[in-house]
C-alpha atoms as a PDB file:
ATOM      1  CA  MET A   1     -51.428-113.970  60.559  1.00  0.00           C
ATOM      2  CA  LEU A   2     -52.859-110.752  61.581  1.00  0.00           C
ATOM      3  CA  ILE A   3     -49.001-109.439  61.711  1.00  0.00           C
ATOM      4  CA  ARG A   4     -48.502-110.691  58.397  1.00  0.00           C
ATOM      5  CA  ASN A   5     -51.634-109.197  57.113  1.00  0.00           C
ATOM      6  CA  ARG A   6     -50.648-105.869  58.498  1.00  0.00           C
ATOM      7  CA  THR A   7     -47.119-106.014  56.972  1.00  0.00           C
ATOM      8  CA  HIS A   8     -48.877-106.616  53.471  1.00  0.00           C
ATOM      9  CA  TYR A   9     -51.356-103.871  54.210  1.00  0.00           C
ATOM     10  CA  ALA A  10     -48.597-101.477  55.176  1.00  0.00           C
ATOM     11  CA  VAL A  11     -46.594-102.594  52.001  1.00  0.00           C
ATOM     12  CA  ALA A  12     -49.595-102.190  49.870  1.00  0.00           C
ATOM     13  CA  ALA A  13     -50.523 -98.783  51.490  1.00  0.00           C
ATOM     14  CA  ALA A  14     -47.133 -97.416  50.983  1.00  0.00           C
ATOM     15  CA  LEU A  15     -47.334 -98.689  47.293  1.00  0.00           C
ATOM     16  CA  VAL A  16     -50.763 -96.987  46.668  1.00  0.00           C
ATOM     17  CA  ALA A  17     -49.217 -93.842  48.447  1.00  0.00           C
ATOM     18  CA  ALA A  18     -46.277 -94.007  46.045  1.00  0.00           C
ATOM     19  CA  LEU A  19     -48.350 -94.321  43.155  1.00  0.00           C
ATOM     20  CA  ALA A  20     -50.746 -91.566  44.244  1.00  0.00           C
ATOM     21  CA  LEU A  21     -47.959 -89.356  44.666  1.00  0.00           C
ATOM     22  CA  ALA A  22     -46.532 -90.336  41.337  1.00  0.00           C
ATOM     23  CA  GLY A  23     -49.972 -89.711  39.802  1.00  0.00           C
ATOM     24  CA  CYS A  24     -50.327 -86.445  41.302  1.00  0.00           C
ATOM     25  CA  LYS A  25     -46.823 -85.220  40.203  1.00  0.00           C
ATOM     26  CA  LYS A  26     -47.260 -82.630  37.573  1.00  0.00           C
ATOM     27  CA  LYS A  27     -46.264 -84.337  34.219  1.00  0.00           C
ATOM     28  CA  GLU A  28     -43.495 -82.117  32.625  1.00  0.00           C
ATOM     29  CA  GLU A  29     -44.518 -81.434  29.061  1.00  0.00           C
ATOM     30  CA  PRO A  30     -41.697 -80.794  26.498  1.00  0.00           C
ATOM     31  CA  ALA A  31     -41.226 -77.111  25.801  1.00  0.00           C
ATOM     32  CA  PRO A  32     -43.383 -76.151  22.895  1.00  0.00           C
ATOM     33  CA  THR A  33     -41.396 -75.439  19.620  1.00  0.00           C
ATOM     34  CA  PRO A  34     -41.454 -72.081  18.527  1.00  0.00           C
ATOM     35  CA  PRO A  35     -43.562 -71.384  15.226  1.00  0.00           C
ATOM     36  CA  PRO A  36     -41.215 -71.138  12.217  1.00  0.00           C
ATOM     37  CA  ALA A  37     -40.096 -67.301  11.710  1.00  0.00           C
ATOM     38  CA  ALA A  38     -41.613 -65.869   8.777  1.00  0.00           C
ATOM     39  CA  GLU A  39     -38.987 -65.623   6.021  1.00  0.00           C
ATOM     40  CA  THR A  40     -38.124 -62.194   5.163  1.00  0.00           C
ATOM     41  CA  PRO A  41     -35.972 -61.611   2.275  1.00  0.00           C
ATOM     42  CA  ALA A  42     -32.500 -60.771   2.758  1.00  0.00           C
ATOM     43  CA  PRO A  43     -32.042 -56.959   2.314  1.00  0.00           C
ATOM     44  CA  ALA A  44     -30.934 -55.965  -1.153  1.00  0.00           C
ATOM     45  CA  PRO A  45     -27.348 -55.089  -1.133  1.00  0.00           C
ATOM     46  CA  ALA A  46     -26.828 -51.273  -1.468  1.00  0.00           C
ATOM     47  CA  PRO A  47     -26.173 -50.272  -4.859  1.00  0.00           C
ATOM     48  CA  ALA A  48     -22.347 -50.272  -5.377  1.00  0.00           C
ATOM     49  CA  GLU A  49     -21.175 -46.636  -5.765  1.00  0.00           C
ATOM     50  CA  PRO A  50     -19.345 -46.243  -8.809  1.00  0.00           C
ATOM     51  CA  ALA A  51     -15.655 -46.160  -8.570  1.00  0.00           C
ATOM     52  CA  PRO A  52     -14.428 -42.701  -8.695  1.00  0.00           C
ATOM     53  CA  ALA A  53     -13.124 -41.780 -12.261  1.00  0.00           C
ATOM     54  CA  PRO A  54      -9.453 -41.777 -12.450  1.00  0.00           C
ATOM     55  CA  ALA A  55      -7.885 -38.353 -12.455  1.00  0.00           C
ATOM     56  CA  ALA A  56      -7.227 -36.890 -15.783  1.00  0.00           C
ATOM     57  CA  THR A  57      -3.659 -36.927 -16.893  1.00  0.00           C
ATOM     58  CA  ALA A  58      -1.521 -34.623 -19.125  1.00  0.00           C
ATOM     59  CA  SER A  59       0.928 -35.528 -21.490  1.00  0.00           C
ATOM     60  CA  VAL A  60       3.078 -34.078 -24.178  1.00  0.00           C
ATOM     61  CA  ALA A  61       1.745 -34.643 -27.434  1.00  0.00           C
ATOM     62  CA  SER A  62       4.132 -32.974 -29.766  1.00  0.00           C
ATOM     63  CA  VAL A  63       7.338 -30.804 -30.021  1.00  0.00           C
ATOM     64  CA  ASP A  64       7.893 -28.703 -33.000  1.00  0.00           C
ATOM     65  CA  LEU A  65      10.840 -26.309 -33.681  1.00  0.00           C
ATOM     66  CA  GLY A  66      10.896 -23.067 -35.583  1.00  0.00           C
ATOM     67  CA  SER A  67      12.363 -19.679 -35.889  1.00  0.00           C
ATOM     68  CA  ALA A  68       8.927 -17.951 -35.368  1.00  0.00           C
ATOM     69  CA  ILE A  69       5.757 -18.727 -33.720  1.00  0.00           C
ATOM     70  CA  GLY A  70       2.182 -17.308 -33.803  1.00  0.00           C
ATOM     71  CA  ALA A  71       0.009 -15.884 -31.218  1.00  0.00           C
ATOM     72  CA  ASP A  72      -1.333 -19.193 -30.400  1.00  0.00           C
ATOM     73  CA  LYS A  73       2.495 -20.164 -29.666  1.00  0.00           C
ATOM     74  CA  LYS A  74       2.576 -22.694 -32.586  1.00  0.00           C
ATOM     75  CA  VAL A  75       5.597 -22.714 -34.680  1.00  0.00           C
ATOM     76  CA  THR A  76       4.723 -20.897 -37.956  1.00  0.00           C
ATOM     77  CA  ALA A  77       7.567 -22.697 -40.069  1.00  0.00           C
ATOM     78  CA  ALA A  78       9.035 -25.978 -38.586  1.00  0.00           C
ATOM     79  CA  ALA A  79      12.881 -26.318 -39.160  1.00  0.00           C
ATOM     80  CA  THR A  80      15.507 -28.245 -37.845  1.00  0.00           C
ATOM     81  CA  SER A  81      18.479 -26.110 -39.169  1.00  0.00           C
ATOM     82  CA  PHE A  82      19.012 -22.520 -37.811  1.00  0.00           C
ATOM     83  CA  LYS A  83      21.237 -19.470 -38.335  1.00  0.00           C
ATOM     84  CA  PRO A  84      23.557 -18.557 -35.512  1.00  0.00           C
ATOM     85  CA  LYS A  85      21.547 -15.492 -34.628  1.00  0.00           C
ATOM     86  CA  ASP A  86      17.978 -16.916 -35.006  1.00  0.00           C
ATOM     87  CA  THR A  87      15.725 -17.212 -32.038  1.00  0.00           C
ATOM     88  CA  ILE A  88      14.729 -20.897 -31.843  1.00  0.00           C
ATOM     89  CA  TYR A  89      11.311 -21.815 -30.605  1.00  0.00           C
ATOM     90  CA  ALA A  90      10.210 -25.264 -29.076  1.00  0.00           C
ATOM     91  CA  SER A  91       6.513 -25.298 -29.331  1.00  0.00           C
ATOM     92  CA  ILE A  92       4.988 -27.950 -26.965  1.00  0.00           C
ATOM     93  CA  SER A  93       1.333 -29.297 -27.524  1.00  0.00           C
ATOM     94  CA  THR A  94      -0.210 -31.060 -24.608  1.00  0.00           C
ATOM     95  CA  SER A  95      -3.255 -33.482 -24.716  1.00  0.00           C
ATOM     96  CA  THR A  96      -5.226 -34.722 -21.665  1.00  0.00           C
ATOM     97  CA  SER A  97      -6.915 -38.107 -21.022  1.00  0.00           C
ATOM     98  CA  ASP A  98     -10.233 -36.250 -20.560  1.00  0.00           C
ATOM     99  CA  PRO A  99     -10.523 -33.961 -23.426  1.00  0.00           C
ATOM    100  CA  ALA A 100     -12.805 -31.473 -21.217  1.00  0.00           C
ATOM    101  CA  ALA A 101     -10.089 -31.406 -18.252  1.00  0.00           C
ATOM    102  CA  THR A 102      -7.591 -28.938 -17.510  1.00  0.00           C
ATOM    103  CA  VAL A 103      -4.542 -30.613 -15.652  1.00  0.00           C
ATOM    104  CA  PRO A 104      -1.850 -28.887 -13.793  1.00  0.00           C
ATOM    105  CA  THR A 105       1.522 -30.054 -14.821  1.00  0.00           C
ATOM    106  CA  LYS A 106       5.223 -28.687 -15.085  1.00  0.00           C
ATOM    107  CA  LEU A 107       7.044 -28.422 -18.235  1.00  0.00           C
ATOM    108  CA  GLY A 108      10.697 -27.561 -18.711  1.00  0.00           C
ATOM    109  CA  ALA A 109      13.312 -27.229 -21.577  1.00  0.00           C
ATOM    110  CA  LYS A 110      16.789 -27.818 -21.489  1.00  0.00           C
ATOM    111  CA  TRP A 111      18.941 -26.730 -24.511  1.00  0.00           C
ATOM    112  CA  THR A 112      22.470 -28.400 -24.999  1.00  0.00           C
ATOM    113  CA  PHE A 113      25.298 -28.199 -27.414  1.00  0.00           C
ATOM    114  CA  GLN A 114      26.691 -31.358 -29.317  1.00  0.00           C
ATOM    115  CA  ASP A 115      29.344 -31.906 -26.307  1.00  0.00           C
ATOM    116  CA  GLY A 116      26.594 -31.947 -23.827  1.00  0.00           C
ATOM    117  CA  GLN A 117      27.240 -28.617 -22.389  1.00  0.00           C
ATOM    118  CA  THR A 118      23.931 -26.878 -21.233  1.00  0.00           C
ATOM    119  CA  VAL A 119      23.345 -23.714 -23.497  1.00  0.00           C
ATOM    120  CA  HIS A 120      20.143 -22.809 -21.619  1.00  0.00           C
ATOM    121  CA  GLU A 121      17.738 -24.382 -19.183  1.00  0.00           C
ATOM    122  CA  GLU A 122      14.407 -22.952 -19.122  1.00  0.00           C
ATOM    123  CA  PRO A 123      12.809 -22.430 -15.656  1.00  0.00           C
ATOM    124  CA  VAL A 124      10.123 -25.073 -15.044  1.00  0.00           C
ATOM    125  CA  ALA A 125       6.714 -23.492 -16.078  1.00  0.00           C
ATOM    126  CA  ASP A 126       3.560 -24.328 -14.102  1.00  0.00           C
ATOM    127  CA  VAL A 127       1.011 -25.251 -17.042  1.00  0.00           C
ATOM    128  CA  GLN A 128      -2.534 -25.756 -16.807  1.00  0.00           C
ATOM    129  CA  ALA A 129      -2.422 -28.270 -19.727  1.00  0.00           C
ATOM    130  CA  THR A 130      -5.575 -28.752 -21.854  1.00  0.00           C
ATOM    131  CA  ASN A 131      -6.264 -31.072 -24.866  1.00  0.00           C
ATOM    132  CA  GLY A 132      -4.673 -29.135 -27.669  1.00  0.00           C
ATOM    133  CA  GLY A 133      -2.918 -26.711 -25.400  1.00  0.00           C
ATOM    134  CA  VAL A 134       0.392 -25.186 -26.565  1.00  0.00           C
ATOM    135  CA  THR A 135       3.513 -23.848 -24.347  1.00  0.00           C
ATOM    136  CA  ALA A 136       6.358 -22.417 -26.052  1.00  0.00           C
ATOM    137  CA  PHE A 137      10.234 -21.990 -25.085  1.00  0.00           C
ATOM    138  CA  GLN A 138      12.872 -20.163 -26.727  1.00  0.00           C
ATOM    139  CA  ILE A 139      16.703 -19.407 -26.848  1.00  0.00           C
ATOM    140  CA  ASN A 140      18.651 -16.901 -28.554  1.00  0.00           C
ATOM    141  CA  SER A 141      22.070 -15.580 -28.409  1.00  0.00           C
ATOM    142  CA  PRO A 142      22.954 -11.839 -29.649  1.00  0.00           C
ATOM    143  CA  LYS A 143      26.397 -13.075 -30.292  1.00  0.00           C
ATOM    144  CA  GLY A 144      25.064 -16.011 -32.394  1.00  0.00           C
ATOM    145  CA  PHE A 145      25.391 -19.603 -31.518  1.00  0.00           C
ATOM    146  CA  PRO A 146      28.400 -21.515 -32.378  1.00  0.00           C
ATOM    147  CA  GLU A 147      27.850 -23.908 -35.552  1.00  0.00           C
ATOM    148  CA  GLY A 148      27.074 -27.525 -34.454  1.00  0.00           C
ATOM    149  CA  LYS A 149      24.486 -30.070 -33.499  1.00  0.00           C
ATOM    150  CA  TYR A 150      22.178 -29.176 -30.560  1.00  0.00           C
ATOM    151  CA  LYS A 151      19.284 -30.712 -28.902  1.00  0.00           C
ATOM    152  CA  VAL A 152      16.389 -29.732 -26.699  1.00  0.00           C
ATOM    153  CA  GLU A 153      14.894 -32.105 -23.853  1.00  0.00           C
ATOM    154  CA  ILE A 154      11.452 -31.379 -22.980  1.00  0.00           C
ATOM    155  CA  THR A 155      10.557 -32.366 -19.422  1.00  0.00           C
ATOM    156  CA  GLN A 156       7.104 -32.896 -17.770  1.00  0.00           C
ATOM    157  CA  ASP A 157       6.979 -33.142 -13.945  1.00  0.00           C
ATOM    158  CA  GLY A 158      10.788 -33.542 -13.931  1.00  0.00           C
ATOM    159  CA  ASN A 159      10.841 -36.470 -16.435  1.00  0.00           C
ATOM    160  CA  VAL A 160      12.208 -36.079 -20.041  1.00  0.00           C
ATOM    161  CA  VAL A 161       9.237 -36.889 -22.249  1.00  0.00           C
ATOM    162  CA  GLN A 162      10.666 -35.790 -25.719  1.00  0.00           C
ATOM    163  CA  THR A 163      13.866 -34.748 -27.335  1.00  0.00           C
ATOM    164  CA  LYS A 164      14.526 -32.735 -30.575  1.00  0.00           C
ATOM    165  CA  GLU A 165      17.791 -32.605 -32.343  1.00  0.00           C
ATOM    166  CA  PHE A 166      18.689 -29.562 -34.641  1.00  0.00           C
ATOM    167  CA  ASP A 167      21.739 -27.843 -35.971  1.00  0.00           C
ATOM    168  CA  VAL A 168      23.007 -24.494 -36.467  1.00  0.00           C
ATOM    169  CA  LYS A 169      24.738 -23.479 -39.722  1.00  0.00           C
ATOM    170  CA  LYS A 170      25.822 -20.287 -41.347  1.00  0.00           C
END
């Protein structure tokens, strides 16, 4: 019985030792939860920069024909019929999308006879167009223009923007 008791004691001692070790083992604590972050409001979006204003544009507002112009380059007496030896003026008024703007543009005039033959083509003029600005082109023939129907095509930046028809009679 003594051996049996010793075995019981040995098993009991091993059990106690195991429990003691288990009791001494540092208990793992769950990681502390971090405190909630203080809510900071999202930064306000930067104010949107205003879109750049579209660049001002120029356009041909009107074309007037006549045999005389004033100092302001405007036709003094509009006409659509001329004498063979008249000087014929085309007075081109411009406008701009921004009334205070000056807009660079190119204006030209091509004068043709009824059969489509070019009578004269003005060199393209570099113009600083303004609202109410005026540019004038002219043709004349010391020998006199043949009688018939004519037309002038006004171009802006290479594109025909207005056409005026006229005639020459004795």
